[in-house]
């Protein structure tokens, strides 16, 4: 480890002013960095503030300001009302970690400081369906954005990111280094919570590692809920290594 390593940087210490108080769960900005208080902090007191992670926060839900957030949508924060907003004139809080309808009173937000799990915008170099594993294939200089294609067990390219929603060829989408996908079928092919998930064909995934020559063996996730309709998989292609079988 580097001799100058200090900390993971997930929590910072914040000192309230003489007439300032913060309650546990409050959203606040530490010199512009979005965070959530982990404890009550009284006048002139110092306490811990998380600057990474996903937190449920209040959001606008009325017909005028109510916002619908898709997973990965940018979330701003109306400091005057103390609510999440879609209005770009407000400070950026993070990204929607779970979808929220206009009428919902809250939204789960991945704080912008958590760069590890923040979505990566990309241009689809080919049509990419939902729940697909992809890799960076190039760069579009005109749009200043990376291009991605489907990873595959029978190609030379291992999975680098996970894409939860369909993206048409040429369109812009969001990819994730780590993503907890809920509401999918894990009853077909898998047998229990804890089963490993492997890269398969055409950006897909499967329950078993490939044993064929010249194919990629890559763990890309783990089953966290076993169900035909309410299953879940924690995908982490960005943290996994691929091993190629040789002839």
C-alpha atoms as a PDB file:
ATOM      1  CA  UNK A   1       0.000   0.000   0.000  1.00  0.00           C
ATOM      2  CA  UNK A   2       1.166   3.539  -0.715  1.00  0.00           C
ATOM      3  CA  UNK A   3       2.918   5.145   2.219  1.00  0.00           C
ATOM      4  CA  UNK A   4       0.700   8.211   1.898  1.00  0.00           C
ATOM      5  CA  UNK A   5      -2.631   6.302   2.094  1.00  0.00           C
ATOM      6  CA  UNK A   6      -4.915   7.907   4.676  1.00  0.00           C
ATOM      7  CA  UNK A   7      -8.487   6.566   4.441  1.00  0.00           C
ATOM      8  CA  UNK A   8     -11.166   5.156   2.126  1.00  0.00           C
ATOM      9  CA  UNK A   9     -12.787   8.577   1.963  1.00  0.00           C
ATOM     10  CA  UNK A  10     -16.351   7.348   2.449  1.00  0.00           C
ATOM     11  CA  UNK A  11     -17.008   9.544   5.496  1.00  0.00           C
ATOM     12  CA  UNK A  12     -15.875  13.078   6.329  1.00  0.00           C
ATOM     13  CA  UNK A  13     -16.143  15.088   9.543  1.00  0.00           C
ATOM     14  CA  UNK A  14     -18.380  18.136   9.483  1.00  0.00           C
ATOM     15  CA  UNK A  15     -18.569  20.903  12.091  1.00  0.00           C
ATOM     16  CA  UNK A  16     -21.824  22.823  12.477  1.00  0.00           C
ATOM     17  CA  UNK A  17     -21.824  26.575  12.961  1.00  0.00           C
ATOM     18  CA  UNK A  18     -22.887  28.293  16.183  1.00  0.00           C
ATOM     19  CA  UNK A  19     -26.527  28.519  15.036  1.00  0.00           C
ATOM     20  CA  UNK A  20     -26.593  25.363  12.913  1.00  0.00           C
ATOM     21  CA  UNK A  21     -27.949  21.922  13.720  1.00  0.00           C
ATOM     22  CA  UNK A  22     -28.061  18.778  11.584  1.00  0.00           C
ATOM     23  CA  UNK A  23     -30.157  15.672  12.173  1.00  0.00           C
ATOM     24  CA  UNK A  24     -29.131  12.155  11.228  1.00  0.00           C
ATOM     25  CA  UNK A  25     -30.287  11.527   7.652  1.00  0.00           C
ATOM     26  CA  UNK A  26     -30.200  15.173   6.595  1.00  0.00           C
ATOM     27  CA  UNK A  27     -28.738  16.028   3.216  1.00  0.00           C
ATOM     28  CA  UNK A  28     -25.976  18.633   3.341  1.00  0.00           C
ATOM     29  CA  UNK A  29     -23.165  19.902   1.161  1.00  0.00           C
ATOM     30  CA  UNK A  30     -19.666  19.976   2.621  1.00  0.00           C
ATOM     31  CA  UNK A  31     -17.963  22.733   0.622  1.00  0.00           C
ATOM     32  CA  UNK A  32     -20.039  21.656  -2.370  1.00  0.00           C
ATOM     33  CA  UNK A  33     -19.639  17.894  -1.887  1.00  0.00           C
ATOM     34  CA  UNK A  34     -23.045  16.195  -1.374  1.00  0.00           C
ATOM     35  CA  UNK A  35     -23.409  14.072   1.742  1.00  0.00           C
ATOM     36  CA  UNK A  36     -25.810  12.655   4.313  1.00  0.00           C
ATOM     37  CA  UNK A  37     -25.370  13.118   8.061  1.00  0.00           C
ATOM     38  CA  UNK A  38     -24.871   9.790   9.829  1.00  0.00           C
ATOM     39  CA  UNK A  39     -25.492  11.255  13.302  1.00  0.00           C
ATOM     40  CA  UNK A  40     -27.148  14.260  14.910  1.00  0.00           C
ATOM     41  CA  UNK A  41     -24.730  17.214  14.955  1.00  0.00           C
ATOM     42  CA  UNK A  42     -25.468  20.100  17.320  1.00  0.00           C
ATOM     43  CA  UNK A  43     -24.240  23.693  17.490  1.00  0.00           C
ATOM     44  CA  UNK A  44     -20.444  23.892  17.193  1.00  0.00           C
ATOM     45  CA  UNK A  45     -20.281  20.088  17.261  1.00  0.00           C
ATOM     46  CA  UNK A  46     -18.501  17.784  14.818  1.00  0.00           C
ATOM     47  CA  UNK A  47     -20.009  14.613  13.379  1.00  0.00           C
ATOM     48  CA  UNK A  48     -19.729  12.074  10.566  1.00  0.00           C
ATOM     49  CA  UNK A  49     -21.163  12.702   7.098  1.00  0.00           C
ATOM     50  CA  UNK A  50     -21.248  10.017   4.391  1.00  0.00           C
ATOM     51  CA  UNK A  51     -20.175  11.215   0.962  1.00  0.00           C
ATOM     52  CA  UNK A  52     -20.643   7.840  -0.741  1.00  0.00           C
ATOM     53  CA  UNK A  53     -23.422   5.253  -0.738  1.00  0.00           C
ATOM     54  CA  UNK A  54     -27.150   5.144  -1.540  1.00  0.00           C
ATOM     55  CA  UNK A  55     -29.678   6.963   0.663  1.00  0.00           C
ATOM     56  CA  UNK A  56     -33.444   7.483   0.568  1.00  0.00           C
ATOM     57  CA  UNK A  57     -34.259  11.191   0.443  1.00  0.00           C
ATOM     58  CA  UNK A  58     -37.452  13.241   0.160  1.00  0.00           C
ATOM     59  CA  UNK A  59     -38.454  14.327  -3.350  1.00  0.00           C
ATOM     60  CA  UNK A  60     -40.974  16.659  -4.939  1.00  0.00           C
ATOM     61  CA  UNK A  61     -44.194  14.776  -5.613  1.00  0.00           C
ATOM     62  CA  UNK A  62     -46.744  17.477  -6.542  1.00  0.00           C
ATOM     63  CA  UNK A  63     -48.104  17.876 -10.072  1.00  0.00           C
ATOM     64  CA  UNK A  64     -45.884  20.903 -10.805  1.00  0.00           C
ATOM     65  CA  UNK A  65     -42.532  19.847  -9.410  1.00  0.00           C
ATOM     66  CA  UNK A  66     -43.023  16.105  -9.075  1.00  0.00           C
ATOM     67  CA  UNK A  67     -40.231  14.252 -10.805  1.00  0.00           C
ATOM     68  CA  UNK A  68     -40.037  10.785 -12.307  1.00  0.00           C
ATOM     69  CA  UNK A  69     -36.585   9.241 -11.952  1.00  0.00           C
ATOM     70  CA  UNK A  70     -35.323   6.272 -13.905  1.00  0.00           C
ATOM     71  CA  UNK A  71     -32.396   4.269 -12.576  1.00  0.00           C
ATOM     72  CA  UNK A  72     -29.272   6.281 -13.325  1.00  0.00           C
ATOM     73  CA  UNK A  73     -31.086   9.603 -13.780  1.00  0.00           C
ATOM     74  CA  UNK A  74     -29.252  12.633 -12.425  1.00  0.00           C
ATOM     75  CA  UNK A  75     -30.824  13.872  -9.181  1.00  0.00           C
ATOM     76  CA  UNK A  76     -30.549  17.514  -8.123  1.00  0.00           C
ATOM     77  CA  UNK A  77     -31.417  18.884  -4.687  1.00  0.00           C
ATOM     78  CA  UNK A  78     -33.736  21.783  -3.910  1.00  0.00           C
ATOM     79  CA  UNK A  79     -32.040  23.096  -0.762  1.00  0.00           C
ATOM     80  CA  UNK A  80     -34.858  25.557  -0.113  1.00  0.00           C
ATOM     81  CA  UNK A  81     -37.494  22.831   0.070  1.00  0.00           C
ATOM     82  CA  UNK A  82     -35.143  20.074   1.177  1.00  0.00           C
ATOM     83  CA  UNK A  83     -36.271  17.754  -1.628  1.00  0.00           C
ATOM     84  CA  UNK A  84     -34.835  15.944  -4.631  1.00  0.00           C
ATOM     85  CA  UNK A  85     -35.562  17.597  -7.958  1.00  0.00           C
ATOM     86  CA  UNK A  86     -34.979  17.311 -11.707  1.00  0.00           C
ATOM     87  CA  UNK A  87     -34.309  21.049 -12.013  1.00  0.00           C
ATOM     88  CA  UNK A  88     -30.768  21.640 -13.251  1.00  0.00           C
ATOM     89  CA  UNK A  89     -30.598  25.009 -11.483  1.00  0.00           C
ATOM     90  CA  UNK A  90     -30.183  23.162  -8.191  1.00  0.00           C
ATOM     91  CA  UNK A  91     -27.088  21.439  -6.833  1.00  0.00           C
ATOM     92  CA  UNK A  92     -26.356  17.950  -8.105  1.00  0.00           C
ATOM     93  CA  UNK A  93     -26.956  15.345  -5.401  1.00  0.00           C
ATOM     94  CA  UNK A  94     -26.224  12.133  -7.285  1.00  0.00           C
ATOM     95  CA  UNK A  95     -27.947   9.469  -9.375  1.00  0.00           C
ATOM     96  CA  UNK A  96     -31.219   7.596  -8.902  1.00  0.00           C
ATOM     97  CA  UNK A  97     -30.291   4.195  -7.470  1.00  0.00           C
ATOM     98  CA  UNK A  98     -33.880   2.965  -7.794  1.00  0.00           C
ATOM     99  CA  UNK A  99     -36.682   4.173 -10.053  1.00  0.00           C
ATOM    100  CA  UNK A 100     -39.245   6.588  -8.550  1.00  0.00           C
ATOM    101  CA  UNK A 101     -42.607   7.738  -9.951  1.00  0.00           C
ATOM    102  CA  UNK A 102     -43.772  11.361  -9.947  1.00  0.00           C
ATOM    103  CA  UNK A 103     -46.122  10.769  -7.037  1.00  0.00           C
ATOM    104  CA  UNK A 104     -43.543   9.025  -4.839  1.00  0.00           C
ATOM    105  CA  UNK A 105     -42.497  10.974  -1.767  1.00  0.00           C
ATOM    106  CA  UNK A 106     -38.920   9.651  -1.774  1.00  0.00           C
ATOM    107  CA  UNK A 107     -36.174   8.476  -4.101  1.00  0.00           C
ATOM    108  CA  UNK A 108     -33.070   6.389  -3.350  1.00  0.00           C
ATOM    109  CA  UNK A 109     -30.015   8.362  -4.470  1.00  0.00           C
ATOM    110  CA  UNK A 110     -26.454   7.203  -5.049  1.00  0.00           C
ATOM    111  CA  UNK A 111     -24.405  10.171  -3.867  1.00  0.00           C
ATOM    112  CA  UNK A 112     -22.346  11.822  -6.598  1.00  0.00           C
ATOM    113  CA  UNK A 113     -19.223  11.390  -4.513  1.00  0.00           C
ATOM    114  CA  UNK A 114     -19.378   7.614  -5.018  1.00  0.00           C
ATOM    115  CA  UNK A 115     -17.580   7.574  -8.358  1.00  0.00           C
ATOM    116  CA  UNK A 116     -17.037   3.817  -8.180  1.00  0.00           C
ATOM    117  CA  UNK A 117     -20.701   3.003  -8.615  1.00  0.00           C
ATOM    118  CA  UNK A 118     -21.738   6.055 -10.633  1.00  0.00           C
ATOM    119  CA  UNK A 119     -23.119   5.241 -14.102  1.00  0.00           C
ATOM    120  CA  UNK A 120     -20.884   5.708 -17.149  1.00  0.00           C
ATOM    121  CA  UNK A 121     -22.542   7.406 -20.151  1.00  0.00           C
ATOM    122  CA  UNK A 122     -21.760   5.713 -23.466  1.00  0.00           C
ATOM    123  CA  UNK A 123     -22.769   5.550 -27.110  1.00  0.00           C
ATOM    124  CA  UNK A 124     -24.051   2.158 -28.246  1.00  0.00           C
ATOM    125  CA  UNK A 125     -21.952   0.930 -31.175  1.00  0.00           C
ATOM    126  CA  UNK A 126     -24.640  -1.726 -31.737  1.00  0.00           C
ATOM    127  CA  UNK A 127     -28.100  -2.447 -30.356  1.00  0.00           C
ATOM    128  CA  UNK A 128     -27.858  -3.438 -26.685  1.00  0.00           C
ATOM    129  CA  UNK A 129     -30.788  -5.061 -24.940  1.00  0.00           C
ATOM    130  CA  UNK A 130     -31.657  -4.749 -21.278  1.00  0.00           C
ATOM    131  CA  UNK A 131     -29.657  -6.708 -18.679  1.00  0.00           C
ATOM    132  CA  UNK A 132     -26.562  -6.934 -20.874  1.00  0.00           C
ATOM    133  CA  UNK A 133     -22.817  -7.014 -20.246  1.00  0.00           C
ATOM    134  CA  UNK A 134     -20.652  -4.736 -22.371  1.00  0.00           C
ATOM    135  CA  UNK A 135     -17.100  -3.546 -23.015  1.00  0.00           C
ATOM    136  CA  UNK A 136     -15.558  -0.311 -24.306  1.00  0.00           C
ATOM    137  CA  UNK A 137     -14.952  -0.632 -28.050  1.00  0.00           C
ATOM    138  CA  UNK A 138     -13.948   2.880 -29.050  1.00  0.00           C
ATOM    139  CA  UNK A 139     -14.497   6.604 -28.678  1.00  0.00           C
ATOM    140  CA  UNK A 140     -16.754   9.100 -30.461  1.00  0.00           C
ATOM    141  CA  UNK A 141     -14.692  12.286 -30.678  1.00  0.00           C
ATOM    142  CA  UNK A 142     -17.615  14.370 -31.946  1.00  0.00           C
ATOM    143  CA  UNK A 143     -19.781  13.484 -28.937  1.00  0.00           C
ATOM    144  CA  UNK A 144     -16.816  13.169 -26.549  1.00  0.00           C
ATOM    145  CA  UNK A 145     -18.063   9.813 -25.263  1.00  0.00           C
ATOM    146  CA  UNK A 146     -16.902   6.190 -25.215  1.00  0.00           C
ATOM    147  CA  UNK A 147     -18.548   3.581 -27.420  1.00  0.00           C
ATOM    148  CA  UNK A 148     -19.567   0.165 -26.111  1.00  0.00           C
ATOM    149  CA  UNK A 149     -20.458  -3.218 -27.563  1.00  0.00           C
ATOM    150  CA  UNK A 150     -21.765  -6.504 -26.198  1.00  0.00           C
ATOM    151  CA  UNK A 151     -19.223  -8.690 -24.418  1.00  0.00           C
ATOM    152  CA  UNK A 152     -19.307 -12.392 -25.206  1.00  0.00           C
ATOM    153  CA  UNK A 153     -17.852 -15.615 -23.855  1.00  0.00           C
ATOM    154  CA  UNK A 154     -16.809 -16.644 -27.386  1.00  0.00           C
ATOM    155  CA  UNK A 155     -15.010 -13.402 -28.263  1.00  0.00           C
ATOM    156  CA  UNK A 156     -11.784 -11.656 -27.278  1.00  0.00           C
ATOM    157  CA  UNK A 157     -13.556  -9.079 -25.118  1.00  0.00           C
ATOM    158  CA  UNK A 158     -14.492  -9.619 -21.484  1.00  0.00           C
ATOM    159  CA  UNK A 159     -17.298  -7.701 -19.764  1.00  0.00           C
ATOM    160  CA  UNK A 160     -16.400  -4.340 -18.244  1.00  0.00           C
ATOM    161  CA  UNK A 161     -19.844  -2.883 -17.431  1.00  0.00           C
ATOM    162  CA  UNK A 162     -23.495  -3.854 -16.964  1.00  0.00           C
ATOM    163  CA  UNK A 163     -26.358  -2.144 -18.829  1.00  0.00           C
ATOM    164  CA  UNK A 164     -29.785  -2.475 -17.145  1.00  0.00           C
ATOM    165  CA  UNK A 165     -31.905  -0.825 -19.848  1.00  0.00           C
ATOM    166  CA  UNK A 166     -32.080  -1.285 -23.624  1.00  0.00           C
ATOM    167  CA  UNK A 167     -30.074   1.139 -25.770  1.00  0.00           C
ATOM    168  CA  UNK A 168     -30.566   1.345 -29.540  1.00  0.00           C
ATOM    169  CA  UNK A 169     -27.558   1.514 -31.833  1.00  0.00           C
ATOM    170  CA  UNK A 170     -26.198   5.066 -31.931  1.00  0.00           C
ATOM    171  CA  UNK A 171     -28.107   6.178 -28.826  1.00  0.00           C
ATOM    172  CA  UNK A 172     -26.665   7.222 -25.481  1.00  0.00           C
ATOM    173  CA  UNK A 173     -27.077   4.917 -22.482  1.00  0.00           C
ATOM    174  CA  UNK A 174     -25.741   4.330 -18.986  1.00  0.00           C
ATOM    175  CA  UNK A 175     -23.464   1.461 -17.950  1.00  0.00           C
ATOM    176  CA  UNK A 176     -22.420   0.408 -14.455  1.00  0.00           C
ATOM    177  CA  UNK A 177     -19.276  -1.078 -12.963  1.00  0.00           C
ATOM    178  CA  UNK A 178     -21.486  -2.545 -10.205  1.00  0.00           C
ATOM    179  CA  UNK A 179     -25.274  -2.862 -10.223  1.00  0.00           C
ATOM    180  CA  UNK A 180     -27.823  -4.677  -8.059  1.00  0.00           C
ATOM    181  CA  UNK A 181     -30.498  -5.807 -10.533  1.00  0.00           C
ATOM    182  CA  UNK A 182     -33.792  -6.757  -8.907  1.00  0.00           C
ATOM    183  CA  UNK A 183     -37.011  -8.238 -10.270  1.00  0.00           C
ATOM    184  CA  UNK A 184     -35.452 -10.764 -12.669  1.00  0.00           C
ATOM    185  CA  UNK A 185     -35.805 -14.519 -13.089  1.00  0.00           C
ATOM    186  CA  UNK A 186     -33.153 -16.394 -11.129  1.00  0.00           C
ATOM    187  CA  UNK A 187     -35.246 -19.559 -10.834  1.00  0.00           C
ATOM    188  CA  UNK A 188     -34.303 -20.582 -14.386  1.00  0.00           C
ATOM    189  CA  UNK A 189     -30.775 -21.958 -14.515  1.00  0.00           C
ATOM    190  CA  UNK A 190     -29.759 -21.049 -10.974  1.00  0.00           C
ATOM    191  CA  UNK A 191     -30.466 -23.043  -7.834  1.00  0.00           C
ATOM    192  CA  UNK A 192     -29.920 -20.819  -4.797  1.00  0.00           C
ATOM    193  CA  UNK A 193     -28.782 -17.516  -3.362  1.00  0.00           C
ATOM    194  CA  UNK A 194     -25.009 -17.328  -3.642  1.00  0.00           C
ATOM    195  CA  UNK A 195     -24.753 -18.975  -7.058  1.00  0.00           C
ATOM    196  CA  UNK A 196     -22.084 -17.360  -9.220  1.00  0.00           C
ATOM    197  CA  UNK A 197     -23.062 -15.701 -12.494  1.00  0.00           C
ATOM    198  CA  UNK A 198     -20.838 -16.030 -15.570  1.00  0.00           C
ATOM    199  CA  UNK A 199     -20.478 -14.176 -18.858  1.00  0.00           C
ATOM    200  CA  UNK A 200     -22.332 -15.893 -21.717  1.00  0.00           C
ATOM    201  CA  UNK A 201     -23.082 -15.186 -25.389  1.00  0.00           C
ATOM    202  CA  UNK A 202     -24.161 -11.821 -26.842  1.00  0.00           C
ATOM    203  CA  UNK A 203     -23.782  -9.894 -23.602  1.00  0.00           C
ATOM    204  CA  UNK A 204     -25.833 -12.388 -21.650  1.00  0.00           C
ATOM    205  CA  UNK A 205     -25.088 -14.309 -18.464  1.00  0.00           C
ATOM    206  CA  UNK A 206     -25.401 -17.892 -17.308  1.00  0.00           C
ATOM    207  CA  UNK A 207     -25.001 -20.169 -14.286  1.00  0.00           C
ATOM    208  CA  UNK A 208     -21.861 -22.055 -15.321  1.00  0.00           C
ATOM    209  CA  UNK A 209     -18.334 -21.244 -16.434  1.00  0.00           C
ATOM    210  CA  UNK A 210     -17.348 -22.130 -19.968  1.00  0.00           C
ATOM    211  CA  UNK A 211     -15.010 -25.094 -20.345  1.00  0.00           C
ATOM    212  CA  UNK A 212     -14.576 -24.730 -24.108  1.00  0.00           C
ATOM    213  CA  UNK A 213     -11.273 -23.857 -25.706  1.00  0.00           C
ATOM    214  CA  UNK A 214     -10.747 -20.225 -26.720  1.00  0.00           C
ATOM    215  CA  UNK A 215     -13.659 -18.999 -24.636  1.00  0.00           C
ATOM    216  CA  UNK A 216     -13.712 -16.554 -21.735  1.00  0.00           C
ATOM    217  CA  UNK A 217     -14.291 -17.716 -18.175  1.00  0.00           C
ATOM    218  CA  UNK A 218     -15.450 -14.660 -16.237  1.00  0.00           C
ATOM    219  CA  UNK A 219     -17.512 -14.328 -13.059  1.00  0.00           C
ATOM    220  CA  UNK A 220     -19.714 -11.243 -13.496  1.00  0.00           C
ATOM    221  CA  UNK A 221     -22.100 -11.461 -10.534  1.00  0.00           C
ATOM    222  CA  UNK A 222     -23.766 -13.401  -7.750  1.00  0.00           C
ATOM    223  CA  UNK A 223     -27.415 -14.328  -7.084  1.00  0.00           C
ATOM    224  CA  UNK A 224     -28.779 -12.370  -4.114  1.00  0.00           C
ATOM    225  CA  UNK A 225     -32.447 -13.400  -4.331  1.00  0.00           C
ATOM    226  CA  UNK A 226     -33.806 -16.677  -5.737  1.00  0.00           C
ATOM    227  CA  UNK A 227     -37.190 -16.329  -7.447  1.00  0.00           C
ATOM    228  CA  UNK A 228     -38.834 -16.603 -10.864  1.00  0.00           C
ATOM    229  CA  UNK A 229     -40.225 -13.065 -10.641  1.00  0.00           C
ATOM    230  CA  UNK A 230     -38.511 -11.332  -7.709  1.00  0.00           C
ATOM    231  CA  UNK A 231     -34.981 -12.634  -8.161  1.00  0.00           C
ATOM    232  CA  UNK A 232     -31.925 -10.409  -7.934  1.00  0.00           C
ATOM    233  CA  UNK A 233     -28.294 -10.447  -9.054  1.00  0.00           C
ATOM    234  CA  UNK A 234     -25.454  -8.241  -7.903  1.00  0.00           C
ATOM    235  CA  UNK A 235     -23.427  -7.620 -11.065  1.00  0.00           C
ATOM    236  CA  UNK A 236     -19.781  -6.583 -10.710  1.00  0.00           C
ATOM    237  CA  UNK A 237     -18.094  -7.064 -14.119  1.00  0.00           C
ATOM    238  CA  UNK A 238     -15.804  -4.105 -13.463  1.00  0.00           C
ATOM    239  CA  UNK A 239     -14.258  -5.920 -10.501  1.00  0.00           C
ATOM    240  CA  UNK A 240     -13.843  -9.350 -12.070  1.00  0.00           C
ATOM    241  CA  UNK A 241     -11.015 -10.909 -14.011  1.00  0.00           C
ATOM    242  CA  UNK A 242     -11.430 -12.967 -17.156  1.00  0.00           C
ATOM    243  CA  UNK A 243      -9.502 -16.132 -17.870  1.00  0.00           C
ATOM    244  CA  UNK A 244      -9.291 -17.425 -21.424  1.00  0.00           C
ATOM    245  CA  UNK A 245      -9.137 -21.168 -22.128  1.00  0.00           C
ATOM    246  CA  UNK A 246      -6.327 -22.114 -24.451  1.00  0.00           C
ATOM    247  CA  UNK A 247      -6.365 -24.736 -27.164  1.00  0.00           C
END
